[in-house]
Amino acid sequence: MAAALVLTILNKIVRPLLLLLTLPVNILTLGLFTFVVLGLVFWLGSALVPGFKVDGLGWAIAGALVMGLINGVVGMVFKL
């Protein structure tokens, strides 16, 4: 529960700031750098929550992608 709460807070506060700061790189990569930003937020969440561990940026990006896919599916199923 703590990890979900921290990730929610980071996604609402830190992610928009990071996306704004990395906007030129994001435009150059046609939006693909957004995955790196999501991974950084996921990795930061693992640093803040004890017991929630991510071994590297690659796994953080993979975890953020899986979390995004699950959120999308749940949103479509429950019409959120």
C-alpha atoms as a PDB file:
ATOM      1  CA  MET A   1       0.000   0.000   0.000  1.00  0.00           C
ATOM      2  CA  ALA A   2       2.836   2.377   0.821  1.00  0.00           C
ATOM      3  CA  ALA A   3       4.440   1.837  -2.583  1.00  0.00           C
ATOM      4  CA  ALA A   4       1.138   2.498  -4.367  1.00  0.00           C
ATOM      5  CA  LEU A   5       0.602   5.698  -2.389  1.00  0.00           C
ATOM      6  CA  VAL A   6       4.137   6.966  -3.028  1.00  0.00           C
ATOM      7  CA  LEU A   7       3.931   6.121  -6.747  1.00  0.00           C
ATOM      8  CA  THR A   8       0.607   7.947  -7.006  1.00  0.00           C
ATOM      9  CA  ILE A   9       2.024  11.058  -5.360  1.00  0.00           C
ATOM     10  CA  LEU A  10       5.158  10.958  -7.520  1.00  0.00           C
ATOM     11  CA  ASN A  11       3.086  10.488 -10.683  1.00  0.00           C
ATOM     12  CA  LYS A  12       0.937  13.510  -9.824  1.00  0.00           C
ATOM     13  CA  ILE A  13       3.751  15.868  -8.728  1.00  0.00           C
ATOM     14  CA  VAL A  14       7.189  14.784  -9.980  1.00  0.00           C
ATOM     15  CA  ARG A  15       6.309  13.263 -13.367  1.00  0.00           C
ATOM     16  CA  PRO A  16       4.785  16.441 -14.866  1.00  0.00           C
ATOM     17  CA  LEU A  17       7.820  18.440 -13.747  1.00  0.00           C
ATOM     18  CA  LEU A  18      10.207  15.912 -15.264  1.00  0.00           C
ATOM     19  CA  LEU A  19       8.217  15.834 -18.495  1.00  0.00           C
ATOM     20  CA  LEU A  20       8.378  19.620 -18.708  1.00  0.00           C
ATOM     21  CA  LEU A  21      12.120  19.686 -18.044  1.00  0.00           C
ATOM     22  CA  THR A  22      12.812  16.974 -20.617  1.00  0.00           C
ATOM     23  CA  LEU A  23      10.451  18.350 -23.256  1.00  0.00           C
ATOM     24  CA  PRO A  24      13.173  19.050 -25.875  1.00  0.00           C
ATOM     25  CA  VAL A  25      14.562  15.507 -25.591  1.00  0.00           C
ATOM     26  CA  ASN A  26      11.040  14.121 -25.633  1.00  0.00           C
ATOM     27  CA  ILE A  27      10.262  15.989 -28.853  1.00  0.00           C
ATOM     28  CA  LEU A  28      13.490  14.765 -30.474  1.00  0.00           C
ATOM     29  CA  THR A  29      12.706  11.149 -29.598  1.00  0.00           C
ATOM     30  CA  LEU A  30       9.064  11.495 -30.674  1.00  0.00           C
ATOM     31  CA  GLY A  31       7.805  10.832 -27.151  1.00  0.00           C
ATOM     32  CA  LEU A  32       9.838   7.707 -26.453  1.00  0.00           C
ATOM     33  CA  PHE A  33      11.797   9.476 -23.699  1.00  0.00           C
ATOM     34  CA  THR A  34       8.561   9.478 -21.697  1.00  0.00           C
ATOM     35  CA  PHE A  35       9.241   5.813 -20.911  1.00  0.00           C
ATOM     36  CA  VAL A  36      12.562   6.810 -19.349  1.00  0.00           C
ATOM     37  CA  VAL A  37      10.812   9.490 -17.264  1.00  0.00           C
ATOM     38  CA  LEU A  38       8.244   6.926 -16.089  1.00  0.00           C
ATOM     39  CA  GLY A  39      11.084   4.580 -15.189  1.00  0.00           C
ATOM     40  CA  LEU A  40      12.831   7.321 -13.218  1.00  0.00           C
ATOM     41  CA  VAL A  41       9.653   8.006 -11.250  1.00  0.00           C
ATOM     42  CA  PHE A  42       9.255   4.274 -10.588  1.00  0.00           C
ATOM     43  CA  TRP A  43      12.915   4.046  -9.511  1.00  0.00           C
ATOM     44  CA  LEU A  44      12.525   7.079  -7.236  1.00  0.00           C
ATOM     45  CA  GLY A  45       9.518   5.396  -5.642  1.00  0.00           C
ATOM     46  CA  SER A  46      11.622   2.334  -4.906  1.00  0.00           C
ATOM     47  CA  ALA A  47      14.221   4.541  -3.228  1.00  0.00           C
ATOM     48  CA  LEU A  48      11.603   6.122  -0.968  1.00  0.00           C
ATOM     49  CA  VAL A  49       9.684   3.006   0.120  1.00  0.00           C
ATOM     50  CA  PRO A  50      11.474   0.421   2.234  1.00  0.00           C
ATOM     51  CA  GLY A  51      10.823  -3.115   1.012  1.00  0.00           C
ATOM     52  CA  PHE A  52      10.075  -1.977  -2.559  1.00  0.00           C
ATOM     53  CA  LYS A  53      13.229  -2.619  -4.579  1.00  0.00           C
ATOM     54  CA  VAL A  54      14.070  -2.069  -8.235  1.00  0.00           C
ATOM     55  CA  ASP A  55      17.476  -3.314  -9.398  1.00  0.00           C
ATOM     56  CA  GLY A  56      18.128  -0.754 -12.114  1.00  0.00           C
ATOM     57  CA  LEU A  57      16.737   1.766 -14.553  1.00  0.00           C
ATOM     58  CA  GLY A  58      15.938  -0.911 -17.140  1.00  0.00           C
ATOM     59  CA  TRP A  59      13.804  -2.830 -14.657  1.00  0.00           C
ATOM     60  CA  ALA A  60      12.224   0.425 -13.510  1.00  0.00           C
ATOM     61  CA  ILE A  61      11.197   1.212 -17.097  1.00  0.00           C
ATOM     62  CA  ALA A  62       9.854  -2.332 -17.523  1.00  0.00           C
ATOM     63  CA  GLY A  63       7.931  -2.068 -14.253  1.00  0.00           C
ATOM     64  CA  ALA A  64       6.471   1.296 -15.245  1.00  0.00           C
ATOM     65  CA  LEU A  65       5.367  -0.150 -18.596  1.00  0.00           C
ATOM     66  CA  VAL A  66       3.698  -3.148 -16.947  1.00  0.00           C
ATOM     67  CA  MET A  67       2.012  -0.890 -14.401  1.00  0.00           C
ATOM     68  CA  GLY A  68       0.768   1.362 -17.211  1.00  0.00           C
ATOM     69  CA  LEU A  69      -0.602  -1.575 -19.191  1.00  0.00           C
ATOM     70  CA  ILE A  70      -2.416  -2.954 -16.144  1.00  0.00           C
ATOM     71  CA  ASN A  71      -3.872   0.497 -15.366  1.00  0.00           C
ATOM     72  CA  GLY A  72      -5.069   0.800 -18.957  1.00  0.00           C
ATOM     73  CA  VAL A  73      -6.751  -2.603 -18.971  1.00  0.00           C
ATOM     74  CA  VAL A  74      -8.414  -2.023 -15.590  1.00  0.00           C
ATOM     75  CA  GLY A  75      -9.573   1.408 -16.773  1.00  0.00           C
ATOM     76  CA  MET A  76     -11.150  -0.071 -19.901  1.00  0.00           C
ATOM     77  CA  VAL A  77     -12.817  -2.915 -18.012  1.00  0.00           C
ATOM     78  CA  PHE A  78     -14.319  -0.668 -15.346  1.00  0.00           C
ATOM     79  CA  LYS A  79     -14.853   2.328 -17.688  1.00  0.00           C
ATOM     80  CA  LEU A  80     -12.791   4.681 -15.480  1.00  0.00           C
END
